Amino acid sequence: RAAVIAIRAIPHMDKAYAQRIRRAAQKYKPALEAATSKNPFGVTITEYGWAGNGTILQMAITQYYLHTAFPDLFDAELIYRSLDYLYGTHPDSDISFVSNVGTVSKKVAYGMNRADYSFISGAIVPGVLILKPDLPENKENWPFLWGENEYVINVGGLYLFTVNAALALAER
């Protein structure tokens, strides 16, 4: 998030500031490449108690700003890979984590009525949970595993921004 704020400030700052941000971006690039090369999907899949679709989308947004500021250093592919991942190119299944988007999408989630099985069109679940040592899980038939299947409100905003960023880049 700090990178996005720093990049958005570039037009309002002097050239020395832009050069400092560019150097910081150059230092960040190897870490990003290492993080996204840990799996065949080219995104950072979290390995904690909460599945990582929010992290994947946040990284896509950061990549969008890095790409627009420094297109010679950062390409747009991570943005597209992030959406591909959400739409079903991920471990465990080919289910889209965006309900009602894709040929096979999430139908059972922990949503507006927590005592019942919920379905909210366009809502997004956290996604695949990686269980130790390296076992992917996303139960389609049991919504109460909230780390995998809870509709997450703030992830919807990240998703909308990422889709609009991908569309804007595709139009260039």
Foldseek 3Di string as FASTA:
>chain_A
DVLLVLLVCVVVDDPVSLVVSVVVVVVCLVVLQVQQVPDPLRFHFDADLATALLVLLVVLVSLLSCCVSCVVRGPNVSLVSSCCVQCAPDPDTREHQFFPPHPHYQDFACEDDNVDTDGDHRFGASAWHQYPPGDTDADRPDHPSRSHGYGDVVSSVSVVVSVVSVVVVVVD
